[in-house]
Amino acid sequence: MNIAPVPKSVAFSAETLKIDGAAEIERIVAGLRTQLRGMRKRGLVLGLSGGIDSSVSVALAVRAVGAKNVFCLFMPENDSDPESLRLGRLVAETFGVAAVVEDIGPSLQAMGCYERRDGFIRELVPEYGAGWASKIVIANSLAGEGYNISSLVVQDPAGNRTKLRMPPAVYLGIVAATNMKQRTRKQIEYYHADRLNFAVLGTPNRLEYDQGFFVKNGDGAADVKPIAHLYKSQVYALAADLGIPEEIRRRPPTTDTYSLEQTQEEFYFSLPYDRMDLCLYGLNNGLSAEQVGAATKLSTVEVERVFADIAAKRRATRYLHLEPQLVEPVAEIAG
């Protein structure tokens, strides 16, 4: 991908992130083929959620190795939106790939995922139980509240919602239990990859990869990550070039992790993806807050807060990108 830096004298806009879709597709496909040859793998396995990132990844995988060498997994659990499974099946049918349903709900139940999570919620809401639902939301960094302040939203069986501040122990406990979902999915992906002699394909885009929006050894684990260099808006652009069904291209990004519907902005990012992309690009390329503000319709102060939020998340999630730390390198196998 080749995007020229924007001179300070030139207007910055969403047009800046435009790429040659056909050329980028061919570059990614060639990269995947080279990577697979190096790993001596003959195909690709990935989890298919019905979201834009996994859908684009399936299409790229099919271009790289052919539909018969791509194997997809639908991995719903007790809190999953049924729409994700329907849309995932639509993608699999569109590109002619084999796919199976692996319901991870019983495994998570056996490991105590839901029971552990609900136990932490009950420290704040003792009556929380059957018929209730919940999600975690972050403070709005544009208001200067700080990205690391999270709240719990619960909904009772009558539909009434309550928002509560969480002490750190409750927040960490809920997240730790919830992370079992991503790690269980990855275990299933590697089972199928091992039996097929395929590689596991991870689906983060640049915004998610940069900002640590993944679970270590969960959805962060993969052998190849072919769209991690692409801004989310560029992934959407490639989706049109690759023939991703319009219904999926119109679907707002969601986490599909908690029992209440939750957008990615509520859970992690300061802004919708298109404006986050512009802020991230601006920060990466040394653009001023004024330039980015003009492109995103934000004030200079708001852009500066988003810049600070990006930098803070990079610091907080740096460990997610680290390999296991050794006392000293093992020279014989160093890459």
C-alpha atoms as a PDB file:
ATOM      1  CA  MET A   1       0.000   0.000   0.000  1.00  0.00           C
ATOM      2  CA  ASN A   2       1.447   3.357  -1.012  1.00  0.00           C
ATOM      3  CA  ILE A   3      -0.119   6.503   0.445  1.00  0.00           C
ATOM      4  CA  ALA A   4       1.994   9.617   0.086  1.00  0.00           C
ATOM      5  CA  PRO A   5       2.300  11.815   3.199  1.00  0.00           C
ATOM      6  CA  VAL A   6       0.168  14.947   3.054  1.00  0.00           C
ATOM      7  CA  PRO A   7       2.131  18.215   2.856  1.00  0.00           C
ATOM      8  CA  LYS A   8       0.939  20.736   5.418  1.00  0.00           C
ATOM      9  CA  SER A   9      -0.042  23.079   2.593  1.00  0.00           C
ATOM     10  CA  VAL A  10      -2.413  20.516   1.035  1.00  0.00           C
ATOM     11  CA  ALA A  11      -5.966  19.904   2.243  1.00  0.00           C
ATOM     12  CA  PHE A  12      -6.324  16.641   4.177  1.00  0.00           C
ATOM     13  CA  SER A  13      -9.513  14.612   3.718  1.00  0.00           C
ATOM     14  CA  ALA A  14     -10.896  11.106   3.411  1.00  0.00           C
ATOM     15  CA  GLU A  15      -9.639  11.157  -0.187  1.00  0.00           C
ATOM     16  CA  THR A  16      -6.102  10.962   1.217  1.00  0.00           C
ATOM     17  CA  LEU A  17      -6.679   7.366   2.334  1.00  0.00           C
ATOM     18  CA  LYS A  18      -7.886   6.181  -1.083  1.00  0.00           C
ATOM     19  CA  ILE A  19      -5.843   3.377  -2.632  1.00  0.00           C
ATOM     20  CA  ASP A  20      -5.752   1.455  -5.890  1.00  0.00           C
ATOM     21  CA  GLY A  21      -8.017  -1.429  -4.868  1.00  0.00           C
ATOM     22  CA  ALA A  22      -7.048  -3.826  -7.637  1.00  0.00           C
ATOM     23  CA  ALA A  23      -3.337  -3.295  -7.072  1.00  0.00           C
ATOM     24  CA  GLU A  24      -3.685  -3.679  -3.309  1.00  0.00           C
ATOM     25  CA  ILE A  25      -5.649  -6.912  -3.665  1.00  0.00           C
ATOM     26  CA  GLU A  26      -2.948  -8.368  -5.893  1.00  0.00           C
ATOM     27  CA  ARG A  27      -0.231  -7.266  -3.459  1.00  0.00           C
ATOM     28  CA  ILE A  28      -1.973  -8.922  -0.507  1.00  0.00           C
ATOM     29  CA  VAL A  29      -2.676 -12.098  -2.471  1.00  0.00           C
ATOM     30  CA  ALA A  30       0.972 -12.349  -3.537  1.00  0.00           C
ATOM     31  CA  GLY A  31       2.058 -11.776   0.057  1.00  0.00           C
ATOM     32  CA  LEU A  32      -0.212 -14.525   1.363  1.00  0.00           C
ATOM     33  CA  ARG A  33       1.088 -17.013  -1.197  1.00  0.00           C
ATOM     34  CA  THR A  34       4.692 -16.238  -0.263  1.00  0.00           C
ATOM     35  CA  GLN A  35       3.950 -16.526   3.449  1.00  0.00           C
ATOM     36  CA  LEU A  36       2.201 -19.873   3.062  1.00  0.00           C
ATOM     37  CA  ARG A  37       5.063 -21.299   1.022  1.00  0.00           C
ATOM     38  CA  GLY A  38       7.444 -20.239   3.773  1.00  0.00           C
ATOM     39  CA  MET A  39       5.312 -22.010   6.384  1.00  0.00           C
ATOM     40  CA  ARG A  40       4.733 -25.050   4.162  1.00  0.00           C
ATOM     41  CA  LYS A  41       0.983 -24.709   4.558  1.00  0.00           C
ATOM     42  CA  ARG A  42      -1.479 -25.322   1.744  1.00  0.00           C
ATOM     43  CA  GLY A  43      -4.524 -23.338   2.862  1.00  0.00           C
ATOM     44  CA  LEU A  44      -6.133 -20.986   5.356  1.00  0.00           C
ATOM     45  CA  VAL A  45      -8.527 -21.316   8.280  1.00  0.00           C
ATOM     46  CA  LEU A  46     -10.399 -18.379   9.763  1.00  0.00           C
ATOM     47  CA  GLY A  47     -13.351 -17.521  11.930  1.00  0.00           C
ATOM     48  CA  LEU A  48     -16.160 -15.894   9.949  1.00  0.00           C
ATOM     49  CA  SER A  49     -18.315 -13.463  11.912  1.00  0.00           C
ATOM     50  CA  GLY A  50     -20.302 -11.772   9.168  1.00  0.00           C
ATOM     51  CA  GLY A  51     -18.374  -8.553   9.811  1.00  0.00           C
ATOM     52  CA  ILE A  52     -16.477  -6.582   7.190  1.00  0.00           C
ATOM     53  CA  ASP A  53     -12.959  -7.622   8.244  1.00  0.00           C
ATOM     54  CA  SER A  54     -13.496 -11.374   8.224  1.00  0.00           C
ATOM     55  CA  SER A  55     -15.549 -11.122   5.029  1.00  0.00           C
ATOM     56  CA  VAL A  56     -12.782  -9.261   3.185  1.00  0.00           C
ATOM     57  CA  SER A  57     -10.255 -11.730   4.586  1.00  0.00           C
ATOM     58  CA  VAL A  58     -12.226 -14.681   3.192  1.00  0.00           C
ATOM     59  CA  ALA A  59     -12.347 -13.076  -0.238  1.00  0.00           C
ATOM     60  CA  LEU A  60      -8.595 -12.407  -0.188  1.00  0.00           C
ATOM     61  CA  ALA A  61      -7.901 -15.961   0.993  1.00  0.00           C
ATOM     62  CA  VAL A  62      -9.935 -17.378  -1.888  1.00  0.00           C
ATOM     63  CA  ARG A  63      -8.005 -15.197  -4.350  1.00  0.00           C
ATOM     64  CA  ALA A  64      -4.742 -16.449  -2.843  1.00  0.00           C
ATOM     65  CA  VAL A  65      -5.296 -20.205  -2.549  1.00  0.00           C
ATOM     66  CA  GLY A  66      -8.658 -21.027  -4.120  1.00  0.00           C
ATOM     67  CA  ALA A  67     -11.979 -21.730  -2.400  1.00  0.00           C
ATOM     68  CA  LYS A  68     -11.185 -25.427  -1.856  1.00  0.00           C
ATOM     69  CA  ASN A  69      -8.199 -24.436   0.325  1.00  0.00           C
ATOM     70  CA  VAL A  70     -10.109 -22.059   2.599  1.00  0.00           C
ATOM     71  CA  PHE A  71     -11.990 -23.387   5.622  1.00  0.00           C
ATOM     72  CA  CYS A  72     -14.262 -21.113   7.660  1.00  0.00           C
ATOM     73  CA  LEU A  73     -15.719 -21.457  11.125  1.00  0.00           C
ATOM     74  CA  PHE A  74     -18.867 -19.966  12.615  1.00  0.00           C
ATOM     75  CA  MET A  75     -18.398 -19.955  16.390  1.00  0.00           C
ATOM     76  CA  PRO A  76     -21.500 -18.614  18.133  1.00  0.00           C
ATOM     77  CA  GLU A  77     -21.974 -18.694  21.895  1.00  0.00           C
ATOM     78  CA  ASN A  78     -24.763 -17.858  24.331  1.00  0.00           C
ATOM     79  CA  ASP A  79     -24.486 -14.083  23.860  1.00  0.00           C
ATOM     80  CA  SER A  80     -24.037 -14.033  20.080  1.00  0.00           C
ATOM     81  CA  ASP A  81     -26.348 -12.126  17.761  1.00  0.00           C
ATOM     82  CA  PRO A  82     -28.017 -14.663  15.387  1.00  0.00           C
ATOM     83  CA  GLU A  83     -27.556 -12.103  12.617  1.00  0.00           C
ATOM     84  CA  SER A  84     -23.801 -12.729  12.714  1.00  0.00           C
ATOM     85  CA  LEU A  85     -24.295 -16.390  11.841  1.00  0.00           C
ATOM     86  CA  ARG A  86     -26.736 -15.563   9.045  1.00  0.00           C
ATOM     87  CA  LEU A  87     -24.381 -13.031   7.477  1.00  0.00           C
ATOM     88  CA  GLY A  88     -21.400 -15.321   7.920  1.00  0.00           C
ATOM     89  CA  ARG A  89     -23.204 -18.038   5.992  1.00  0.00           C
ATOM     90  CA  LEU A  90     -24.007 -15.518   3.273  1.00  0.00           C
ATOM     91  CA  VAL A  91     -20.288 -14.762   2.873  1.00  0.00           C
ATOM     92  CA  ALA A  92     -19.339 -18.446   2.800  1.00  0.00           C
ATOM     93  CA  GLU A  93     -21.958 -19.106   0.109  1.00  0.00           C
ATOM     94  CA  THR A  94     -20.869 -16.052  -1.893  1.00  0.00           C
ATOM     95  CA  PHE A  95     -17.276 -17.256  -2.130  1.00  0.00           C
ATOM     96  CA  GLY A  96     -17.970 -20.993  -2.227  1.00  0.00           C
ATOM     97  CA  VAL A  97     -15.899 -21.955   0.810  1.00  0.00           C
ATOM     98  CA  ALA A  98     -16.461 -24.861   3.184  1.00  0.00           C
ATOM     99  CA  ALA A  99     -17.687 -23.776   6.602  1.00  0.00           C
ATOM    100  CA  VAL A 100     -18.974 -25.417   9.768  1.00  0.00           C
ATOM    101  CA  VAL A 101     -20.677 -24.264  12.936  1.00  0.00           C
ATOM    102  CA  GLU A 102     -18.742 -24.841  16.170  1.00  0.00           C
ATOM    103  CA  ASP A 103     -21.038 -23.716  18.996  1.00  0.00           C
ATOM    104  CA  ILE A 104     -18.635 -22.747  21.792  1.00  0.00           C
ATOM    105  CA  GLY A 105     -21.408 -21.961  24.278  1.00  0.00           C
ATOM    106  CA  PRO A 106     -21.287 -25.375  26.032  1.00  0.00           C
ATOM    107  CA  SER A 107     -17.492 -25.193  26.350  1.00  0.00           C
ATOM    108  CA  LEU A 108     -17.674 -21.706  27.823  1.00  0.00           C
ATOM    109  CA  GLN A 109     -20.403 -22.848  30.181  1.00  0.00           C
ATOM    110  CA  ALA A 110     -18.257 -25.770  31.329  1.00  0.00           C
ATOM    111  CA  MET A 111     -15.289 -23.478  31.952  1.00  0.00           C
ATOM    112  CA  GLY A 112     -17.410 -21.122  34.016  1.00  0.00           C
ATOM    113  CA  CYS A 113     -17.144 -18.181  31.629  1.00  0.00           C
ATOM    114  CA  TYR A 114     -20.694 -16.918  32.173  1.00  0.00           C
ATOM    115  CA  GLU A 115     -20.809 -17.830  35.859  1.00  0.00           C
ATOM    116  CA  ARG A 116     -17.517 -16.066  36.575  1.00  0.00           C
ATOM    117  CA  ARG A 117     -18.603 -12.952  34.644  1.00  0.00           C
ATOM    118  CA  ASP A 118     -21.991 -12.813  36.354  1.00  0.00           C
ATOM    119  CA  GLY A 119     -20.343 -13.244  39.739  1.00  0.00           C
ATOM    120  CA  PHE A 120     -18.356 -10.052  39.216  1.00  0.00           C
ATOM    121  CA  ILE A 121     -21.445  -8.220  37.950  1.00  0.00           C
ATOM    122  CA  ARG A 122     -23.343  -9.271  41.077  1.00  0.00           C
ATOM    123  CA  GLU A 123     -20.771  -7.431  43.196  1.00  0.00           C
ATOM    124  CA  LEU A 124     -22.457  -4.286  41.845  1.00  0.00           C
ATOM    125  CA  VAL A 125     -25.925  -5.642  41.015  1.00  0.00           C
ATOM    126  CA  PRO A 126     -26.752  -8.487  43.456  1.00  0.00           C
ATOM    127  CA  GLU A 127     -29.995  -9.378  41.664  1.00  0.00           C
ATOM    128  CA  TYR A 128     -28.280  -9.900  38.274  1.00  0.00           C
ATOM    129  CA  GLY A 129     -29.221 -13.293  36.827  1.00  0.00           C
ATOM    130  CA  ALA A 130     -31.519 -14.997  34.309  1.00  0.00           C
ATOM    131  CA  GLY A 131     -33.245 -12.560  31.987  1.00  0.00           C
ATOM    132  CA  TRP A 132     -30.684  -9.803  32.561  1.00  0.00           C
ATOM    133  CA  ALA A 133     -28.158  -8.540  30.015  1.00  0.00           C
ATOM    134  CA  SER A 134     -25.043  -6.373  30.181  1.00  0.00           C
ATOM    135  CA  LYS A 135     -22.172  -4.663  28.388  1.00  0.00           C
ATOM    136  CA  ILE A 136     -19.145  -2.521  29.174  1.00  0.00           C
ATOM    137  CA  VAL A 137     -18.863   1.023  27.801  1.00  0.00           C
ATOM    138  CA  ILE A 138     -16.004   3.514  27.943  1.00  0.00           C
ATOM    139  CA  ALA A 139     -16.010   7.199  28.787  1.00  0.00           C
ATOM    140  CA  ASN A 140     -15.991   9.589  25.844  1.00  0.00           C
ATOM    141  CA  SER A 141     -12.419  10.834  25.428  1.00  0.00           C
ATOM    142  CA  LEU A 142     -13.688  13.821  23.414  1.00  0.00           C
ATOM    143  CA  ALA A 143     -15.177  15.128  26.644  1.00  0.00           C
ATOM    144  CA  GLY A 144     -11.808  14.859  28.328  1.00  0.00           C
ATOM    145  CA  GLU A 145     -12.965  12.130  30.690  1.00  0.00           C
ATOM    146  CA  GLY A 146     -10.110   9.724  29.862  1.00  0.00           C
ATOM    147  CA  TYR A 147     -10.354   6.532  27.848  1.00  0.00           C
ATOM    148  CA  ASN A 148      -9.599   4.214  30.760  1.00  0.00           C
ATOM    149  CA  ILE A 149     -12.777   4.904  32.723  1.00  0.00           C
ATOM    150  CA  SER A 150     -15.218   2.103  31.989  1.00  0.00           C
ATOM    151  CA  SER A 151     -18.789   1.611  33.133  1.00  0.00           C
ATOM    152  CA  LEU A 152     -21.096  -1.368  33.330  1.00  0.00           C
ATOM    153  CA  VAL A 153     -24.522  -1.138  31.703  1.00  0.00           C
ATOM    154  CA  VAL A 154     -27.086  -3.686  32.886  1.00  0.00           C
ATOM    155  CA  GLN A 155     -30.610  -4.291  31.650  1.00  0.00           C
ATOM    156  CA  ASP A 156     -33.193  -6.011  33.838  1.00  0.00           C
ATOM    157  CA  PRO A 157     -35.876  -8.395  32.477  1.00  0.00           C
ATOM    158  CA  ALA A 158     -38.302  -5.466  32.173  1.00  0.00           C
ATOM    159  CA  GLY A 159     -35.934  -3.602  29.866  1.00  0.00           C
ATOM    160  CA  ASN A 160     -34.761  -0.984  32.356  1.00  0.00           C
ATOM    161  CA  ARG A 161     -31.098  -0.009  32.006  1.00  0.00           C
ATOM    162  CA  THR A 162     -28.672   1.167  34.666  1.00  0.00           C
ATOM    163  CA  LYS A 163     -25.131   2.460  34.188  1.00  0.00           C
ATOM    164  CA  LEU A 164     -22.641   1.954  37.002  1.00  0.00           C
ATOM    165  CA  ARG A 165     -18.995   2.838  37.522  1.00  0.00           C
ATOM    166  CA  MET A 166     -16.873  -0.262  38.105  1.00  0.00           C
ATOM    167  CA  PRO A 167     -14.032  -0.628  40.568  1.00  0.00           C
ATOM    168  CA  PRO A 168     -10.903  -2.039  38.872  1.00  0.00           C
ATOM    169  CA  ALA A 169     -11.341  -5.550  40.298  1.00  0.00           C
ATOM    170  CA  VAL A 170     -14.847  -5.868  38.860  1.00  0.00           C
ATOM    171  CA  TYR A 171     -13.799  -4.503  35.468  1.00  0.00           C
ATOM    172  CA  LEU A 172     -10.795  -6.829  35.253  1.00  0.00           C
ATOM    173  CA  GLY A 173     -12.873  -9.810  36.355  1.00  0.00           C
ATOM    174  CA  ILE A 174     -15.584  -9.242  33.743  1.00  0.00           C
ATOM    175  CA  VAL A 175     -13.013  -8.738  30.984  1.00  0.00           C
ATOM    176  CA  ALA A 176     -10.988 -11.791  32.062  1.00  0.00           C
ATOM    177  CA  ALA A 177     -14.059 -14.009  31.929  1.00  0.00           C
ATOM    178  CA  THR A 178     -15.206 -12.542  28.621  1.00  0.00           C
ATOM    179  CA  ASN A 179     -11.777 -13.070  27.053  1.00  0.00           C
ATOM    180  CA  MET A 180     -12.395 -16.811  27.348  1.00  0.00           C
ATOM    181  CA  LYS A 181     -14.634 -16.421  24.301  1.00  0.00           C
ATOM    182  CA  GLN A 182     -11.867 -15.217  21.979  1.00  0.00           C
ATOM    183  CA  ARG A 183      -9.359 -17.733  23.309  1.00  0.00           C
ATOM    184  CA  THR A 184     -11.772 -20.632  22.903  1.00  0.00           C
ATOM    185  CA  ARG A 185     -12.490 -19.620  19.325  1.00  0.00           C
ATOM    186  CA  LYS A 186      -8.793 -19.529  18.552  1.00  0.00           C
ATOM    187  CA  GLN A 187      -8.323 -23.001  20.022  1.00  0.00           C
ATOM    188  CA  ILE A 188     -10.969 -24.301  17.617  1.00  0.00           C
ATOM    189  CA  GLU A 189      -9.345 -22.520  14.672  1.00  0.00           C
ATOM    190  CA  TYR A 190      -5.977 -24.113  15.403  1.00  0.00           C
ATOM    191  CA  TYR A 191      -7.551 -27.550  15.778  1.00  0.00           C
ATOM    192  CA  HIS A 192      -8.894 -27.335  12.246  1.00  0.00           C
ATOM    193  CA  ALA A 193      -5.693 -25.754  10.948  1.00  0.00           C
ATOM    194  CA  ASP A 194      -3.631 -28.596  12.385  1.00  0.00           C
ATOM    195  CA  ARG A 195      -5.825 -31.342  10.948  1.00  0.00           C
ATOM    196  CA  LEU A 196      -5.830 -29.714   7.488  1.00  0.00           C
ATOM    197  CA  ASN A 197      -2.218 -28.524   7.490  1.00  0.00           C
ATOM    198  CA  PHE A 198      -3.535 -24.983   6.944  1.00  0.00           C
ATOM    199  CA  ALA A 199      -2.424 -21.679   8.484  1.00  0.00           C
ATOM    200  CA  VAL A 200      -4.676 -19.563  10.713  1.00  0.00           C
ATOM    201  CA  LEU A 201      -5.632 -16.198   9.258  1.00  0.00           C
ATOM    202  CA  GLY A 202      -6.202 -13.277  11.644  1.00  0.00           C
ATOM    203  CA  THR A 203      -8.507 -10.446  10.621  1.00  0.00           C
ATOM    204  CA  PRO A 204      -7.529  -7.197  12.426  1.00  0.00           C
ATOM    205  CA  ASN A 205      -7.456  -3.981  10.441  1.00  0.00           C
ATOM    206  CA  ARG A 206      -4.865  -1.286  11.123  1.00  0.00           C
ATOM    207  CA  LEU A 207      -6.985   0.595  13.646  1.00  0.00           C
ATOM    208  CA  GLU A 208      -7.582  -2.533  15.727  1.00  0.00           C
ATOM    209  CA  TYR A 209      -3.989  -3.740  15.408  1.00  0.00           C
ATOM    210  CA  ASP A 210      -2.473  -0.373  16.292  1.00  0.00           C
ATOM    211  CA  GLN A 211      -4.774   0.237  19.241  1.00  0.00           C
ATOM    212  CA  GLY A 212      -4.612  -3.234  20.782  1.00  0.00           C
ATOM    213  CA  PHE A 213      -8.245  -4.056  20.125  1.00  0.00           C
ATOM    214  CA  PHE A 214      -7.732  -7.784  20.461  1.00  0.00           C
ATOM    215  CA  VAL A 215      -7.193 -10.477  23.093  1.00  0.00           C
ATOM    216  CA  LYS A 216      -3.683 -11.835  23.464  1.00  0.00           C
ATOM    217  CA  ASN A 217      -3.631 -15.527  22.504  1.00  0.00           C
ATOM    218  CA  GLY A 218      -7.255 -15.049  21.473  1.00  0.00           C
ATOM    219  CA  ASP A 219      -8.255 -13.151  18.343  1.00  0.00           C
ATOM    220  CA  GLY A 220      -4.732 -11.684  18.424  1.00  0.00           C
ATOM    221  CA  ALA A 221      -3.223 -15.103  17.646  1.00  0.00           C
ATOM    222  CA  ALA A 222      -2.715 -15.990  13.983  1.00  0.00           C
ATOM    223  CA  ASP A 223      -0.128 -17.111  11.464  1.00  0.00           C
ATOM    224  CA  VAL A 224      -0.921 -14.356   8.947  1.00  0.00           C
ATOM    225  CA  LYS A 225      -2.728 -11.008   9.273  1.00  0.00           C
ATOM    226  CA  PRO A 226      -3.222  -9.783   5.715  1.00  0.00           C
ATOM    227  CA  ILE A 227      -5.218  -6.591   6.376  1.00  0.00           C
ATOM    228  CA  ALA A 228      -3.430  -5.299   9.490  1.00  0.00           C
ATOM    229  CA  HIS A 229      -1.807  -2.524   7.425  1.00  0.00           C
ATOM    230  CA  LEU A 230      -5.139  -1.254   6.059  1.00  0.00           C
ATOM    231  CA  TYR A 231      -7.182   1.481   7.678  1.00  0.00           C
ATOM    232  CA  LYS A 232     -10.759   0.378   8.304  1.00  0.00           C
ATOM    233  CA  SER A 233     -12.125   2.681   5.589  1.00  0.00           C
ATOM    234  CA  GLN A 234      -9.702   1.038   3.139  1.00  0.00           C
ATOM    235  CA  VAL A 235     -11.036  -2.382   4.152  1.00  0.00           C
ATOM    236  CA  TYR A 236     -14.532  -1.164   3.269  1.00  0.00           C
ATOM    237  CA  ALA A 237     -13.241   0.070  -0.090  1.00  0.00           C
ATOM    238  CA  LEU A 238     -11.667  -3.318  -0.843  1.00  0.00           C
ATOM    239  CA  ALA A 239     -14.940  -4.994   0.149  1.00  0.00           C
ATOM    240  CA  ALA A 240     -16.662  -3.345  -2.794  1.00  0.00           C
ATOM    241  CA  ASP A 241     -13.851  -4.385  -5.161  1.00  0.00           C
ATOM    242  CA  LEU A 242     -13.981  -7.972  -3.873  1.00  0.00           C
ATOM    243  CA  GLY A 243     -17.747  -8.367  -4.229  1.00  0.00           C
ATOM    244  CA  ILE A 244     -18.657  -8.549  -0.537  1.00  0.00           C
ATOM    245  CA  PRO A 245     -22.484  -8.508  -0.276  1.00  0.00           C
ATOM    246  CA  GLU A 246     -23.838  -5.000   0.183  1.00  0.00           C
ATOM    247  CA  GLU A 247     -25.767  -6.051   3.301  1.00  0.00           C
ATOM    248  CA  ILE A 248     -22.467  -6.729   5.048  1.00  0.00           C
ATOM    249  CA  ARG A 249     -20.869  -3.537   3.745  1.00  0.00           C
ATOM    250  CA  ARG A 250     -23.757  -1.555   5.259  1.00  0.00           C
ATOM    251  CA  ARG A 251     -23.615  -3.265   8.653  1.00  0.00           C
ATOM    252  CA  PRO A 252     -22.156  -1.075  11.445  1.00  0.00           C
ATOM    253  CA  PRO A 253     -19.121  -2.634  13.173  1.00  0.00           C
ATOM    254  CA  THR A 254     -20.030  -4.362  16.449  1.00  0.00           C
ATOM    255  CA  THR A 255     -18.157  -6.395  19.039  1.00  0.00           C
ATOM    256  CA  ASP A 256     -20.817  -9.163  19.291  1.00  0.00           C
ATOM    257  CA  THR A 257     -19.268 -10.140  22.619  1.00  0.00           C
ATOM    258  CA  TYR A 258     -21.653  -8.959  25.327  1.00  0.00           C
ATOM    259  CA  SER A 259     -25.302  -9.843  25.816  1.00  0.00           C
ATOM    260  CA  LEU A 260     -26.386  -6.247  25.086  1.00  0.00           C
ATOM    261  CA  GLU A 261     -25.761  -4.887  21.601  1.00  0.00           C
ATOM    262  CA  GLN A 262     -22.558  -2.902  21.622  1.00  0.00           C
ATOM    263  CA  THR A 263     -20.780  -0.718  19.080  1.00  0.00           C
ATOM    264  CA  GLN A 264     -16.990  -0.548  18.854  1.00  0.00           C
ATOM    265  CA  GLU A 265     -17.125   3.141  19.779  1.00  0.00           C
ATOM    266  CA  GLU A 266     -18.959   2.333  23.005  1.00  0.00           C
ATOM    267  CA  PHE A 267     -16.435  -0.319  23.967  1.00  0.00           C
ATOM    268  CA  TYR A 268     -13.105   1.004  22.769  1.00  0.00           C
ATOM    269  CA  PHE A 269     -12.754   3.756  20.167  1.00  0.00           C
ATOM    270  CA  SER A 270     -13.380   7.474  20.537  1.00  0.00           C
ATOM    271  CA  LEU A 271     -15.150   7.938  17.210  1.00  0.00           C
ATOM    272  CA  PRO A 272     -16.740   6.039  14.321  1.00  0.00           C
ATOM    273  CA  TYR A 273     -14.110   4.232  12.261  1.00  0.00           C
ATOM    274  CA  ASP A 274     -14.012   6.704   9.361  1.00  0.00           C
ATOM    275  CA  ARG A 275     -13.042   9.612  11.604  1.00  0.00           C
ATOM    276  CA  MET A 276     -10.769   7.445  13.749  1.00  0.00           C
ATOM    277  CA  ASP A 277      -8.911   6.465  10.576  1.00  0.00           C
ATOM    278  CA  LEU A 278      -8.319  10.114   9.731  1.00  0.00           C
ATOM    279  CA  CYS A 279      -7.120  10.887  13.256  1.00  0.00           C
ATOM    280  CA  LEU A 280      -4.786   7.881  13.261  1.00  0.00           C
ATOM    281  CA  TYR A 281      -3.412   8.751   9.832  1.00  0.00           C
ATOM    282  CA  GLY A 282      -2.948  12.359  10.873  1.00  0.00           C
ATOM    283  CA  LEU A 283      -1.040  11.398  14.004  1.00  0.00           C
ATOM    284  CA  ASN A 284       1.050   8.835  12.108  1.00  0.00           C
ATOM    285  CA  ASN A 285       2.027  11.388   9.470  1.00  0.00           C
ATOM    286  CA  GLY A 286       2.658  14.441  11.610  1.00  0.00           C
ATOM    287  CA  LEU A 287      -0.395  16.428  10.543  1.00  0.00           C
ATOM    288  CA  SER A 288      -1.575  19.216  12.787  1.00  0.00           C
ATOM    289  CA  ALA A 289      -4.700  19.003  14.921  1.00  0.00           C
ATOM    290  CA  GLU A 290      -6.077  21.848  12.821  1.00  0.00           C
ATOM    291  CA  GLN A 291      -5.651  19.881   9.573  1.00  0.00           C
ATOM    292  CA  VAL A 292      -7.230  16.769  11.054  1.00  0.00           C
ATOM    293  CA  GLY A 293     -10.008  18.802  12.626  1.00  0.00           C
ATOM    294  CA  ALA A 294     -10.955  20.283   9.262  1.00  0.00           C
ATOM    295  CA  ALA A 295     -11.208  16.788   7.776  1.00  0.00           C
ATOM    296  CA  THR A 296     -13.131  15.241  10.675  1.00  0.00           C
ATOM    297  CA  LYS A 297     -15.346  18.195  11.651  1.00  0.00           C
ATOM    298  CA  LEU A 298     -13.817  18.166  15.130  1.00  0.00           C
ATOM    299  CA  SER A 299     -12.386  21.064  17.083  1.00  0.00           C
ATOM    300  CA  THR A 300      -8.635  21.312  17.573  1.00  0.00           C
ATOM    301  CA  VAL A 301      -9.085  20.460  21.248  1.00  0.00           C
ATOM    302  CA  GLU A 302     -11.142  17.369  20.382  1.00  0.00           C
ATOM    303  CA  VAL A 303      -8.517  16.156  17.903  1.00  0.00           C
ATOM    304  CA  GLU A 304      -5.787  16.652  20.485  1.00  0.00           C
ATOM    305  CA  ARG A 305      -7.808  14.521  22.910  1.00  0.00           C
ATOM    306  CA  VAL A 306      -8.157  11.777  20.304  1.00  0.00           C
ATOM    307  CA  PHE A 307      -4.401  11.952  19.617  1.00  0.00           C
ATOM    308  CA  ALA A 308      -3.782  11.573  23.363  1.00  0.00           C
ATOM    309  CA  ASP A 309      -6.216   8.655  23.516  1.00  0.00           C
ATOM    310  CA  ILE A 310      -4.420   6.882  20.636  1.00  0.00           C
ATOM    311  CA  ALA A 311      -1.048   7.361  22.334  1.00  0.00           C
ATOM    312  CA  ALA A 312      -2.397   6.157  25.680  1.00  0.00           C
ATOM    313  CA  LYS A 313      -3.862   2.992  24.158  1.00  0.00           C
ATOM    314  CA  ARG A 314      -0.565   2.274  22.412  1.00  0.00           C
ATOM    315  CA  ARG A 315       1.237   2.458  25.748  1.00  0.00           C
ATOM    316  CA  ALA A 316      -1.349   0.410  27.607  1.00  0.00           C
ATOM    317  CA  THR A 317      -1.525  -2.367  25.011  1.00  0.00           C
ATOM    318  CA  ARG A 318       2.108  -2.553  23.943  1.00  0.00           C
ATOM    319  CA  TYR A 319       2.493  -5.861  25.789  1.00  0.00           C
ATOM    320  CA  LEU A 320      -0.137  -7.435  23.525  1.00  0.00           C
ATOM    321  CA  HIS A 321       2.284  -7.139  20.604  1.00  0.00           C
ATOM    322  CA  LEU A 322       5.273  -8.572  22.454  1.00  0.00           C
ATOM    323  CA  GLU A 323       6.577 -12.074  21.893  1.00  0.00           C
ATOM    324  CA  PRO A 324       7.216 -14.129  25.045  1.00  0.00           C
ATOM    325  CA  GLN A 325      10.132 -12.488  26.826  1.00  0.00           C
ATOM    326  CA  LEU A 326      13.328 -14.539  27.256  1.00  0.00           C
ATOM    327  CA  VAL A 327      16.185 -13.980  29.689  1.00  0.00           C
ATOM    328  CA  GLU A 328      18.492 -14.187  26.688  1.00  0.00           C
ATOM    329  CA  PRO A 329      17.962 -14.938  22.986  1.00  0.00           C
ATOM    330  CA  VAL A 330      18.271 -18.515  21.801  1.00  0.00           C
ATOM    331  CA  ALA A 331      20.597 -17.770  18.909  1.00  0.00           C
ATOM    332  CA  GLU A 332      20.087 -21.035  17.047  1.00  0.00           C
ATOM    333  CA  ILE A 333      16.413 -20.319  16.381  1.00  0.00           C
ATOM    334  CA  ALA A 334      16.380 -16.520  16.320  1.00  0.00           C
ATOM    335  CA  GLY A 335      14.397 -15.183  13.407  1.00  0.00           C
END
